[in-house]
């Protein structure tokens, strides 16, 4: 495909690409940025395009890959490294409320409620909150996977009922 023909075909797809970019980003400015990045990447890699193949599919794939890469980069950049001794703040959102006395009191109440559970519910629930996967908990506790899931579910329901007035 000649360069001018490639460029004309690419420019003819701009409206479709903008709609797709807007669908991915849900933001007009981000959609225009994504469209620009996609167009530049397609023009830079024109030599990799095989003539008489689906140009639209090729360019849409470029856009999707750029979007995914940008999303992953943003997610990695937003990762917070917890330097506390027991990694207490690792999975807390920024608006967790722990900075206020009321938030600390709530966290202490929840911890006490969890510690009041019998071992058969407290241990799998605590492990799940700590980040263990269901199958890892089942292996460590030598229990069937369904039993572990059931106990975690029941512990969660018990906490929700106990702290229903906090909602």
Protein backbone atom coordinates (compact mmCIF):
# COMPACT_ATOMS: atom_id res chain seq x y z
CA UNK A 1 0.00 0.00 0.00
CA UNK A 2 1.41 3.38 -0.96
CA UNK A 3 2.13 5.81 1.84
CA UNK A 4 -0.47 8.35 0.72
CA UNK A 5 -3.11 5.63 0.34
CA UNK A 6 -2.25 4.30 3.83
CA UNK A 7 -2.51 7.79 5.32
CA UNK A 8 -5.84 8.48 3.59
CA UNK A 9 -7.25 5.16 4.81
CA UNK A 10 -6.02 5.91 8.33
CA UNK A 11 -7.54 9.39 8.30
CA UNK A 12 -10.86 7.94 7.11
CA UNK A 13 -10.94 5.82 10.30
CA UNK A 14 -10.44 8.76 12.69
CA UNK A 15 -14.13 9.14 13.62
CA UNK A 16 -14.49 5.41 14.35
CA UNK A 17 -11.24 5.46 16.34
CA UNK A 18 -12.38 8.48 18.36
CA UNK A 19 -15.64 6.73 19.26
CA UNK A 20 -13.72 3.62 20.34
CA UNK A 21 -11.24 5.72 22.33
CA UNK A 22 -14.09 7.51 24.09
CA UNK A 23 -15.69 4.17 24.90
CA UNK A 24 -12.41 2.98 26.46
CA UNK A 25 -11.56 6.13 28.41
CA UNK A 26 -14.96 7.72 29.16
CA UNK A 27 -13.20 11.06 28.98
CA UNK A 28 -13.09 13.34 25.95
CA UNK A 29 -9.57 14.68 26.51
CA UNK A 30 -8.15 11.21 27.21
CA UNK A 31 -9.92 9.91 24.11
CA UNK A 32 -8.24 12.57 21.94
CA UNK A 33 -4.86 11.75 23.50
CA UNK A 34 -5.40 8.05 22.83
CA UNK A 35 -6.45 8.80 19.25
CA UNK A 36 -3.31 10.85 18.71
CA UNK A 37 -1.04 8.18 20.20
CA UNK A 38 -2.70 5.51 18.06
CA UNK A 39 -2.41 7.53 14.86
CA UNK A 40 1.27 8.27 15.49
CA UNK A 41 2.03 4.63 16.30
CA UNK A 42 0.20 3.45 13.17
CA UNK A 43 2.11 5.95 11.02
CA UNK A 44 5.43 4.97 12.61
CA UNK A 45 4.73 1.29 12.00
CA UNK A 46 3.27 1.59 8.51
CA UNK A 47 6.00 -0.72 7.20
CA UNK A 48 4.69 -3.51 9.49
CA UNK A 49 1.21 -3.35 7.98
CA UNK A 50 0.55 -6.00 5.37
CA UNK A 51 -1.32 -4.69 2.33
CA UNK A 52 -4.79 -6.06 1.58
CA UNK A 53 -5.45 -7.01 5.20
CA UNK A 54 -7.89 -5.48 7.66
CA UNK A 55 -6.48 -1.99 8.35
CA UNK A 56 -9.34 -1.12 10.68
CA UNK A 57 -8.74 -4.20 12.83
CA UNK A 58 -4.99 -3.53 12.87
CA UNK A 59 -5.41 0.08 14.01
CA UNK A 60 -8.09 -0.78 16.59
CA UNK A 61 -5.76 -3.41 18.04
CA UNK A 62 -3.01 -0.79 18.31
CA UNK A 63 -5.41 1.52 20.16
CA UNK A 64 -6.57 -1.20 22.54
CA UNK A 65 -2.98 -2.19 23.32
CA UNK A 66 -1.95 1.42 23.96
CA UNK A 67 -4.93 1.85 26.29
CA UNK A 68 -4.10 -1.35 28.22
CA UNK A 69 -0.42 -0.42 28.53
CA UNK A 70 -1.30 3.08 29.79
CA UNK A 71 -3.77 1.63 32.27
CA UNK A 72 -1.19 -0.82 33.62
CA UNK A 73 1.43 1.93 33.85
CA UNK A 74 -1.00 4.15 35.79
CA UNK A 75 -1.93 1.32 38.12
CA UNK A 76 1.70 0.53 38.88
CA UNK A 77 2.46 4.19 39.50
CA UNK A 78 -0.42 4.41 41.98
CA UNK A 79 0.88 1.51 44.06
CA UNK A 80 1.67 2.54 47.62
CA UNK A 81 4.51 0.87 49.47
CA UNK A 82 3.61 0.17 53.07
CA UNK A 83 6.55 0.69 55.41
CA UNK A 84 4.75 -0.10 58.66
CA UNK A 85 6.12 -3.03 60.66
CA UNK A 86 3.09 -5.28 60.21
CA UNK A 87 1.97 -3.94 56.79
CA UNK A 88 -1.20 -2.65 58.46
CA UNK A 89 -1.98 0.06 55.92
CA UNK A 90 -1.25 -2.03 52.84
CA UNK A 91 -4.79 -2.51 51.57
CA UNK A 92 -6.50 0.52 53.07
CA UNK A 93 -7.92 3.19 50.80
CA UNK A 94 -6.82 6.76 51.28
CA UNK A 95 -10.23 7.62 52.75
CA UNK A 96 -10.23 4.74 55.24
CA UNK A 97 -10.87 7.08 58.18
CA UNK A 98 -8.05 5.66 60.28
CA UNK A 99 -6.56 9.11 60.74
CA UNK A 100 -9.56 10.18 62.78
CA UNK A 101 -10.31 8.93 66.30
CA UNK A 102 -13.66 7.59 65.08
CA UNK A 103 -11.90 5.55 62.37
CA UNK A 104 -9.43 4.06 64.83
CA UNK A 105 -12.24 3.18 67.20
CA UNK A 106 -14.14 1.47 64.36
CA UNK A 107 -11.09 -0.54 63.30
CA UNK A 108 -10.49 -1.61 66.89
CA UNK A 109 -14.14 -2.70 67.23
CA UNK A 110 -13.95 -4.72 64.02
CA UNK A 111 -10.73 -6.39 65.12
CA UNK A 112 -12.30 -7.30 68.46
CA UNK A 113 -15.37 -8.70 66.69
CA UNK A 114 -13.18 -10.84 64.42
CA UNK A 115 -11.15 -12.06 67.39
CA UNK A 116 -14.38 -13.06 69.14
CA UNK A 117 -15.12 -15.60 66.36
CA UNK A 118 -14.34 -19.22 67.06
CA UNK A 119 -11.10 -20.46 65.46
CA UNK A 120 -12.99 -22.29 62.72
CA UNK A 121 -14.27 -18.93 61.40
CA UNK A 122 -11.62 -16.48 62.63
CA UNK A 123 -8.59 -18.22 61.09
CA UNK A 124 -9.88 -18.61 57.52
CA UNK A 125 -11.44 -15.13 57.56
CA UNK A 126 -8.23 -13.52 58.85
CA UNK A 127 -6.17 -15.39 56.27
CA UNK A 128 -8.54 -14.26 53.50
CA UNK A 129 -8.32 -10.63 54.65
CA UNK A 130 -4.53 -11.00 54.74
CA UNK A 131 -4.58 -11.90 51.06
CA UNK A 132 -4.49 -15.67 50.98
CA UNK A 133 -6.47 -17.32 48.19
CA UNK A 134 -9.23 -19.76 49.03
CA UNK A 135 -7.25 -22.78 47.83
CA UNK A 136 -4.20 -21.73 49.89
CA UNK A 137 -6.36 -21.45 53.01
CA UNK A 138 -7.90 -24.85 52.31
CA UNK A 139 -4.45 -26.42 51.97
CA UNK A 140 -3.09 -24.84 55.15
CA UNK A 141 -6.14 -25.77 57.20
CA UNK A 142 -6.56 -29.18 55.56
CA UNK A 143 -10.22 -28.45 54.74
CA UNK A 144 -12.32 -28.78 51.59
CA UNK A 145 -12.42 -25.62 49.46
CA UNK A 146 -16.21 -25.30 49.84
CA UNK A 147 -15.94 -25.37 53.62
CA UNK A 148 -13.38 -22.56 53.58
CA UNK A 149 -15.53 -20.42 51.28
CA UNK A 150 -18.60 -21.07 53.42
CA UNK A 151 -16.83 -20.12 56.65
CA UNK A 152 -15.47 -16.90 55.15
CA UNK A 153 -18.91 -16.05 53.79
CA UNK A 154 -20.57 -16.69 57.15
CA UNK A 155 -17.94 -14.65 59.02
CA UNK A 156 -18.44 -11.76 56.59
CA UNK A 157 -22.23 -11.94 57.01
CA UNK A 158 -21.85 -11.99 60.80
CA UNK A 159 -19.67 -8.87 60.67
CA UNK A 160 -22.09 -7.12 58.34
CA UNK A 161 -24.98 -7.85 60.70
CA UNK A 162 -22.99 -6.79 63.75
CA UNK A 163 -21.93 -3.47 62.17
CA UNK A 164 -25.06 -2.73 60.15
CA UNK A 165 -25.50 0.61 61.94
CA UNK A 166 -22.14 1.88 60.56
CA UNK A 167 -23.53 2.02 57.01
